[in-house]
Amino acid sequence: MKVDFKVSGAPLGGTRDARGRYLQTSPLKRALTANLSETLLDLVREGFEKQRDPSGSRWAATERGGRILQDTGRLRNSWHRRAGNSQFTVSSSVKYGSFHQSGARHLKARKMVPDGELPAHWGHALNDTAQAVLKDWFGG
């Protein structure tokens, strides 16, 4: 299971000034993708810590009780990121993660990443990260 993002389009409201052109350059895109992907990993880790899905709803309890999806820590620790010049992927390297994400016949879904529109909390976190990167690059 993975989440893909791409940094593209007309930056800064379609501006054509030097700042807008600079936003299209590789070093800044790499900084954005690296920082945004790390923010997503932090959000996934937060979900495990709070035992909540991206929208903030509690994960369904298990019959055994205890910390949900954390018996061995393998799924929690399997999340990683791959960031390039203008795209990044955040994914889990364990195959059974998709069953927990979507649910199965005898397994309730316990979402770790959004599967549609980004929840407001995630959108705000990504926006804050992007603004911090741009502030570092352009000052202000």
N, C-alpha and C. Protein backbone atom coordinates (compact mmCIF):
# COMPACT_ATOMS: atom_id res chain seq x y z
N MET A 1 0.85 -1.16 0.00
CA MET A 1 0.00 0.00 0.00
C MET A 1 0.89 1.22 0.00
N LYS A 2 0.52 2.24 -0.78
CA LYS A 2 1.35 3.43 -0.83
C LYS A 2 0.51 4.65 -1.16
N VAL A 3 1.07 5.80 -0.88
CA VAL A 3 0.46 7.08 -1.19
C VAL A 3 1.46 7.83 -2.07
N ASP A 4 1.02 8.26 -3.25
CA ASP A 4 1.88 8.99 -4.17
C ASP A 4 1.46 10.45 -4.25
N PHE A 5 2.44 11.34 -4.36
CA PHE A 5 2.19 12.75 -4.53
C PHE A 5 3.13 13.29 -5.59
N LYS A 6 2.71 14.36 -6.25
CA LYS A 6 3.54 15.01 -7.25
C LYS A 6 3.48 16.51 -7.03
N VAL A 7 4.64 17.14 -7.05
CA VAL A 7 4.74 18.59 -6.93
C VAL A 7 4.82 19.13 -8.36
N SER A 8 3.76 19.80 -8.79
CA SER A 8 3.73 20.30 -10.17
C SER A 8 2.76 21.47 -10.28
N GLY A 9 2.54 21.90 -11.50
CA GLY A 9 1.58 22.97 -11.75
C GLY A 9 2.23 24.33 -11.69
N ALA A 10 1.42 25.35 -11.90
CA ALA A 10 1.90 26.72 -11.86
C ALA A 10 2.04 27.16 -10.41
N PRO A 11 3.24 27.47 -9.96
CA PRO A 11 3.44 27.82 -8.57
C PRO A 11 2.96 29.22 -8.24
N LEU A 12 2.72 29.44 -6.96
CA LEU A 12 2.41 30.77 -6.46
C LEU A 12 1.33 31.46 -7.28
N GLY A 13 0.25 30.75 -7.53
CA GLY A 13 -0.87 31.36 -8.24
C GLY A 13 -0.58 31.60 -9.71
N GLY A 14 0.35 30.89 -10.28
CA GLY A 14 0.63 31.02 -11.70
C GLY A 14 1.56 32.17 -12.03
N THR A 15 2.22 32.73 -11.03
CA THR A 15 3.11 33.87 -11.27
C THR A 15 4.26 33.49 -12.18
N ARG A 16 4.74 34.45 -12.93
CA ARG A 16 5.85 34.22 -13.85
C ARG A 16 7.11 34.95 -13.39
N ASP A 17 7.09 35.54 -12.20
CA ASP A 17 8.27 36.27 -11.74
C ASP A 17 9.39 35.30 -11.37
N ALA A 18 10.51 35.85 -10.95
CA ALA A 18 11.68 35.02 -10.64
C ALA A 18 11.37 34.02 -9.55
N ARG A 19 10.58 34.41 -8.56
CA ARG A 19 10.24 33.50 -7.48
C ARG A 19 9.46 32.30 -8.01
N GLY A 20 8.52 32.56 -8.90
CA GLY A 20 7.73 31.49 -9.50
C GLY A 20 8.58 30.56 -10.34
N ARG A 21 9.50 31.12 -11.11
CA ARG A 21 10.39 30.28 -11.91
C ARG A 21 11.31 29.46 -11.01
N TYR A 22 11.77 30.05 -9.92
CA TYR A 22 12.66 29.34 -9.01
C TYR A 22 11.96 28.16 -8.35
N LEU A 23 10.68 28.31 -8.11
CA LEU A 23 9.93 27.21 -7.49
C LEU A 23 9.92 25.98 -8.39
N GLN A 24 10.09 26.17 -9.68
CA GLN A 24 10.09 25.05 -10.62
C GLN A 24 11.45 24.34 -10.67
N THR A 25 12.49 24.88 -10.02
CA THR A 25 13.82 24.28 -10.13
C THR A 25 13.95 23.03 -9.27
N SER A 26 14.87 22.21 -9.64
CA SER A 26 15.05 20.92 -8.98
C SER A 26 15.43 21.00 -7.51
N PRO A 27 16.37 21.83 -7.08
CA PRO A 27 16.73 21.82 -5.65
C PRO A 27 15.56 22.13 -4.74
N LEU A 28 14.74 23.07 -5.12
CA LEU A 28 13.59 23.41 -4.28
C LEU A 28 12.55 22.30 -4.31
N LYS A 29 12.32 21.72 -5.47
CA LYS A 29 11.37 20.61 -5.54
C LYS A 29 11.86 19.44 -4.69
N ARG A 30 13.14 19.17 -4.72
CA ARG A 30 13.69 18.09 -3.89
C ARG A 30 13.50 18.40 -2.41
N ALA A 31 13.71 19.66 -2.03
CA ALA A 31 13.50 20.04 -0.63
C ALA A 31 12.03 19.88 -0.24
N LEU A 32 11.13 20.29 -1.13
CA LEU A 32 9.71 20.14 -0.85
C LEU A 32 9.31 18.68 -0.72
N THR A 33 9.72 17.86 -1.68
CA THR A 33 9.31 16.45 -1.64
C THR A 33 9.90 15.74 -0.42
N ALA A 34 11.15 16.04 -0.08
CA ALA A 34 11.77 15.41 1.08
C ALA A 34 11.04 15.78 2.36
N ASN A 35 10.74 17.05 2.53
CA ASN A 35 10.09 17.51 3.75
C ASN A 35 8.62 17.09 3.82
N LEU A 36 7.92 17.15 2.70
CA LEU A 36 6.51 16.74 2.69
C LEU A 36 6.38 15.24 2.96
N SER A 37 7.27 14.45 2.38
CA SER A 37 7.19 13.00 2.61
C SER A 37 7.51 12.67 4.07
N GLU A 38 8.43 13.39 4.67
CA GLU A 38 8.74 13.17 6.09
C GLU A 38 7.55 13.56 6.97
N THR A 39 6.84 14.63 6.59
CA THR A 39 5.64 15.02 7.33
C THR A 39 4.59 13.92 7.26
N LEU A 40 4.42 13.32 6.08
CA LEU A 40 3.46 12.22 5.96
C LEU A 40 3.85 11.04 6.85
N LEU A 41 5.12 10.71 6.89
CA LEU A 41 5.56 9.62 7.78
C LEU A 41 5.26 9.97 9.23
N ASP A 42 5.47 11.21 9.60
CA ASP A 42 5.15 11.64 10.97
C ASP A 42 3.66 11.47 11.26
N LEU A 43 2.81 11.78 10.28
CA LEU A 43 1.36 11.63 10.46
C LEU A 43 0.97 10.16 10.60
N VAL A 44 1.60 9.28 9.84
CA VAL A 44 1.33 7.85 9.98
C VAL A 44 1.76 7.38 11.36
N ARG A 45 2.95 7.81 11.80
CA ARG A 45 3.43 7.43 13.14
C ARG A 45 2.49 7.94 14.23
N GLU A 46 1.98 9.15 14.03
CA GLU A 46 1.03 9.72 14.99
C GLU A 46 -0.23 8.86 15.07
N GLY A 47 -0.68 8.35 13.92
CA GLY A 47 -1.84 7.47 13.91
C GLY A 47 -1.62 6.22 14.72
N PHE A 48 -0.43 5.64 14.60
CA PHE A 48 -0.10 4.45 15.40
C PHE A 48 -0.05 4.81 16.88
N GLU A 49 0.54 5.93 17.19
CA GLU A 49 0.66 6.34 18.60
C GLU A 49 -0.71 6.56 19.23
N LYS A 50 -1.59 7.24 18.50
CA LYS A 50 -2.92 7.57 19.03
C LYS A 50 -3.96 6.49 18.74
N GLN A 51 -3.57 5.50 17.90
CA GLN A 51 -4.46 4.42 17.46
C GLN A 51 -5.71 4.99 16.81
N ARG A 52 -5.47 5.89 15.86
CA ARG A 52 -6.57 6.56 15.15
C ARG A 52 -6.26 6.58 13.66
N ASP A 53 -7.34 6.62 12.86
CA ASP A 53 -7.17 6.72 11.42
C ASP A 53 -6.92 8.19 11.06
N PRO A 54 -6.60 8.47 9.80
CA PRO A 54 -6.29 9.85 9.41
C PRO A 54 -7.39 10.86 9.71
N SER A 55 -8.64 10.43 9.74
CA SER A 55 -9.73 11.37 10.04
C SER A 55 -9.91 11.59 11.54
N GLY A 56 -9.16 10.86 12.36
CA GLY A 56 -9.23 11.03 13.80
C GLY A 56 -10.10 10.00 14.52
N SER A 57 -10.75 9.12 13.78
CA SER A 57 -11.58 8.09 14.40
C SER A 57 -10.71 7.00 15.00
N ARG A 58 -11.14 6.48 16.15
CA ARG A 58 -10.39 5.40 16.80
C ARG A 58 -10.42 4.14 15.96
N TRP A 59 -9.29 3.44 15.95
CA TRP A 59 -9.26 2.14 15.29
C TRP A 59 -10.18 1.19 16.04
N ALA A 60 -10.76 0.26 15.33
CA ALA A 60 -11.60 -0.77 15.95
C ALA A 60 -10.74 -1.59 16.91
N ALA A 61 -11.31 -1.90 18.05
CA ALA A 61 -10.59 -2.70 19.06
C ALA A 61 -10.40 -4.12 18.55
N THR A 62 -9.42 -4.79 19.09
CA THR A 62 -9.18 -6.19 18.75
C THR A 62 -9.76 -7.08 19.86
N GLU A 63 -9.97 -8.33 19.54
CA GLU A 63 -10.49 -9.28 20.53
C GLU A 63 -9.48 -9.52 21.65
N ARG A 64 -8.21 -9.41 21.32
CA ARG A 64 -7.16 -9.66 22.31
C ARG A 64 -6.90 -8.45 23.20
N GLY A 65 -7.38 -7.27 22.79
CA GLY A 65 -7.11 -6.05 23.54
C GLY A 65 -5.68 -5.58 23.31
N GLY A 66 -5.23 -4.67 24.11
CA GLY A 66 -3.87 -4.17 24.00
C GLY A 66 -3.72 -3.14 22.88
N ARG A 67 -2.47 -2.81 22.58
CA ARG A 67 -2.16 -1.82 21.54
C ARG A 67 -2.47 -2.41 20.18
N ILE A 68 -3.28 -1.72 19.41
CA ILE A 68 -3.75 -2.21 18.12
C ILE A 68 -2.65 -2.07 17.07
N LEU A 69 -2.47 -3.11 16.25
CA LEU A 69 -1.49 -3.19 15.16
C LEU A 69 -0.05 -3.02 15.64
N GLN A 70 0.22 -3.39 16.89
CA GLN A 70 1.57 -3.16 17.38
C GLN A 70 2.15 -4.34 18.14
N ASP A 71 1.66 -5.54 17.86
CA ASP A 71 2.19 -6.72 18.56
C ASP A 71 3.71 -6.82 18.40
N THR A 72 4.18 -6.77 17.18
CA THR A 72 5.61 -6.89 16.92
C THR A 72 6.25 -5.57 16.51
N GLY A 73 5.46 -4.60 16.10
CA GLY A 73 5.98 -3.33 15.61
C GLY A 73 6.40 -3.37 14.15
N ARG A 74 6.24 -4.54 13.52
CA ARG A 74 6.69 -4.68 12.14
C ARG A 74 5.94 -3.76 11.19
N LEU A 75 4.61 -3.72 11.28
CA LEU A 75 3.83 -2.86 10.39
C LEU A 75 4.14 -1.39 10.67
N ARG A 76 4.15 -1.02 11.92
CA ARG A 76 4.44 0.37 12.29
C ARG A 76 5.80 0.81 11.75
N ASN A 77 6.78 -0.04 11.87
CA ASN A 77 8.14 0.31 11.45
C ASN A 77 8.41 0.08 9.97
N SER A 78 7.43 -0.43 9.24
CA SER A 78 7.64 -0.73 7.82
C SER A 78 7.42 0.49 6.92
N TRP A 79 6.90 1.57 7.47
CA TRP A 79 6.60 2.75 6.66
C TRP A 79 7.89 3.48 6.31
N HIS A 80 8.00 3.85 5.04
CA HIS A 80 9.18 4.55 4.55
C HIS A 80 8.77 5.52 3.45
N ARG A 81 9.70 6.33 3.04
CA ARG A 81 9.42 7.31 1.99
C ARG A 81 10.47 7.21 0.88
N ARG A 82 10.06 7.61 -0.27
CA ARG A 82 10.96 7.72 -1.42
C ARG A 82 10.65 9.05 -2.07
N ALA A 83 11.60 9.96 -2.04
CA ALA A 83 11.37 11.30 -2.58
C ALA A 83 12.31 11.56 -3.74
N GLY A 84 11.77 12.09 -4.81
CA GLY A 84 12.56 12.45 -5.97
C GLY A 84 12.51 13.94 -6.21
N ASN A 85 12.72 14.32 -7.45
CA ASN A 85 12.76 15.72 -7.82
C ASN A 85 11.39 16.39 -7.70
N SER A 86 10.34 15.70 -8.12
CA SER A 86 9.02 16.33 -8.08
C SER A 86 7.93 15.38 -7.60
N GLN A 87 8.29 14.18 -7.16
CA GLN A 87 7.31 13.22 -6.68
C GLN A 87 7.82 12.55 -5.43
N PHE A 88 6.90 12.05 -4.64
CA PHE A 88 7.32 11.24 -3.51
C PHE A 88 6.26 10.21 -3.22
N THR A 89 6.71 9.14 -2.60
CA THR A 89 5.85 8.03 -2.22
C THR A 89 6.10 7.71 -0.76
N VAL A 90 5.03 7.48 -0.04
CA VAL A 90 5.09 7.00 1.34
C VAL A 90 4.37 5.67 1.33
N SER A 91 5.06 4.62 1.78
CA SER A 91 4.44 3.29 1.69
C SER A 91 4.93 2.38 2.80
N SER A 92 4.20 1.28 2.92
CA SER A 92 4.56 0.22 3.87
C SER A 92 5.17 -0.92 3.08
N SER A 93 6.20 -1.52 3.63
CA SER A 93 6.87 -2.61 2.91
C SER A 93 6.32 -3.99 3.28
N VAL A 94 5.31 -4.06 4.14
CA VAL A 94 4.73 -5.36 4.46
C VAL A 94 3.44 -5.53 3.67
N LYS A 95 3.28 -6.70 3.09
CA LYS A 95 2.14 -6.96 2.21
C LYS A 95 0.80 -6.96 2.97
N TYR A 96 0.81 -7.39 4.22
CA TYR A 96 -0.45 -7.48 4.94
C TYR A 96 -0.99 -6.11 5.38
N GLY A 97 -0.20 -5.06 5.23
CA GLY A 97 -0.66 -3.72 5.59
C GLY A 97 -1.91 -3.31 4.84
N SER A 98 -2.03 -3.73 3.59
CA SER A 98 -3.21 -3.35 2.80
C SER A 98 -4.49 -3.98 3.36
N PHE A 99 -4.39 -5.14 3.99
CA PHE A 99 -5.57 -5.76 4.60
C PHE A 99 -6.04 -4.96 5.82
N HIS A 100 -5.08 -4.46 6.58
CA HIS A 100 -5.45 -3.62 7.72
C HIS A 100 -6.00 -2.28 7.24
N GLN A 101 -5.44 -1.75 6.17
CA GLN A 101 -5.91 -0.47 5.63
C GLN A 101 -7.35 -0.58 5.12
N SER A 102 -7.65 -1.60 4.36
CA SER A 102 -8.96 -1.71 3.71
C SER A 102 -9.93 -2.63 4.43
N GLY A 103 -9.42 -3.50 5.28
CA GLY A 103 -10.27 -4.49 5.92
C GLY A 103 -10.37 -5.73 5.05
N ALA A 104 -10.86 -6.79 5.62
CA ALA A 104 -11.03 -8.05 4.91
C ALA A 104 -12.20 -8.78 5.56
N ARG A 105 -12.46 -9.96 5.10
CA ARG A 105 -13.63 -10.72 5.56
C ARG A 105 -13.74 -10.76 7.09
N HIS A 106 -12.67 -11.11 7.76
CA HIS A 106 -12.69 -11.23 9.23
C HIS A 106 -11.76 -10.22 9.89
N LEU A 107 -11.55 -9.11 9.22
CA LEU A 107 -10.62 -8.10 9.72
C LEU A 107 -11.20 -6.71 9.48
N LYS A 108 -11.38 -5.96 10.56
CA LYS A 108 -11.91 -4.61 10.43
C LYS A 108 -10.83 -3.69 9.89
N ALA A 109 -11.23 -2.73 9.07
CA ALA A 109 -10.29 -1.75 8.53
C ALA A 109 -9.76 -0.87 9.64
N ARG A 110 -8.47 -0.62 9.59
CA ARG A 110 -7.82 0.32 10.49
C ARG A 110 -6.88 1.15 9.63
N LYS A 111 -7.45 2.19 9.04
CA LYS A 111 -6.72 3.00 8.06
C LYS A 111 -5.52 3.69 8.69
N MET A 112 -4.42 3.65 7.95
CA MET A 112 -3.20 4.31 8.38
C MET A 112 -2.92 5.54 7.52
N VAL A 113 -3.42 5.51 6.29
CA VAL A 113 -3.29 6.65 5.37
C VAL A 113 -4.66 6.94 4.77
N PRO A 114 -4.89 8.18 4.37
CA PRO A 114 -6.19 8.49 3.75
C PRO A 114 -6.33 7.76 2.42
N ASP A 115 -7.54 7.39 2.07
CA ASP A 115 -7.75 6.72 0.78
C ASP A 115 -8.64 7.57 -0.13
N GLY A 116 -8.75 8.80 0.17
CA GLY A 116 -9.53 9.74 -0.64
C GLY A 116 -9.00 11.13 -0.38
N GLU A 117 -9.89 12.05 -0.14
CA GLU A 117 -9.50 13.42 0.15
C GLU A 117 -8.70 13.48 1.45
N LEU A 118 -7.71 14.35 1.48
CA LEU A 118 -6.91 14.49 2.69
C LEU A 118 -7.75 15.08 3.82
N PRO A 119 -7.68 14.49 4.98
CA PRO A 119 -8.35 15.09 6.14
C PRO A 119 -7.73 16.46 6.43
N ALA A 120 -8.49 17.35 7.04
CA ALA A 120 -8.03 18.71 7.30
C ALA A 120 -6.71 18.73 8.07
N HIS A 121 -6.59 17.88 9.09
CA HIS A 121 -5.37 17.83 9.90
C HIS A 121 -4.14 17.52 9.03
N TRP A 122 -4.29 16.58 8.13
CA TRP A 122 -3.18 16.22 7.24
C TRP A 122 -2.89 17.36 6.27
N GLY A 123 -3.93 17.95 5.72
CA GLY A 123 -3.74 19.07 4.79
C GLY A 123 -3.03 20.24 5.45
N HIS A 124 -3.43 20.55 6.69
CA HIS A 124 -2.79 21.65 7.41
C HIS A 124 -1.32 21.34 7.69
N ALA A 125 -1.03 20.11 8.07
CA ALA A 125 0.36 19.72 8.36
C ALA A 125 1.22 19.83 7.10
N LEU A 126 0.70 19.37 5.97
CA LEU A 126 1.46 19.48 4.71
C LEU A 126 1.63 20.93 4.29
N ASN A 127 0.58 21.72 4.46
CA ASN A 127 0.66 23.15 4.13
C ASN A 127 1.70 23.85 5.00
N ASP A 128 1.69 23.55 6.29
CA ASP A 128 2.67 24.15 7.20
C ASP A 128 4.09 23.77 6.80
N THR A 129 4.28 22.52 6.42
CA THR A 129 5.61 22.06 5.98
C THR A 129 6.04 22.80 4.73
N ALA A 130 5.15 22.89 3.74
CA ALA A 130 5.49 23.58 2.49
C ALA A 130 5.83 25.04 2.76
N GLN A 131 5.05 25.69 3.61
CA GLN A 131 5.32 27.09 3.93
C GLN A 131 6.67 27.25 4.63
N ALA A 132 7.00 26.32 5.52
CA ALA A 132 8.30 26.39 6.21
C ALA A 132 9.45 26.23 5.22
N VAL A 133 9.32 25.31 4.27
CA VAL A 133 10.36 25.12 3.26
C VAL A 133 10.51 26.37 2.42
N LEU A 134 9.39 26.94 1.97
CA LEU A 134 9.44 28.14 1.15
C LEU A 134 10.02 29.32 1.94
N LYS A 135 9.69 29.41 3.20
CA LYS A 135 10.25 30.47 4.04
C LYS A 135 11.75 30.32 4.16
N ASP A 136 12.22 29.08 4.34
CA ASP A 136 13.67 28.83 4.41
C ASP A 136 14.37 29.24 3.12
N TRP A 137 13.72 28.97 1.98
CA TRP A 137 14.34 29.25 0.69
C TRP A 137 14.28 30.74 0.33
N PHE A 138 13.17 31.38 0.65
CA PHE A 138 12.98 32.75 0.20
C PHE A 138 13.06 33.79 1.31
N GLY A 139 13.17 33.32 2.54
CA GLY A 139 13.21 34.25 3.67
C GLY A 139 11.82 34.79 3.97
N GLY A 140 11.72 35.52 5.02
CA GLY A 140 10.45 36.18 5.33
C GLY A 140 9.72 35.50 6.36
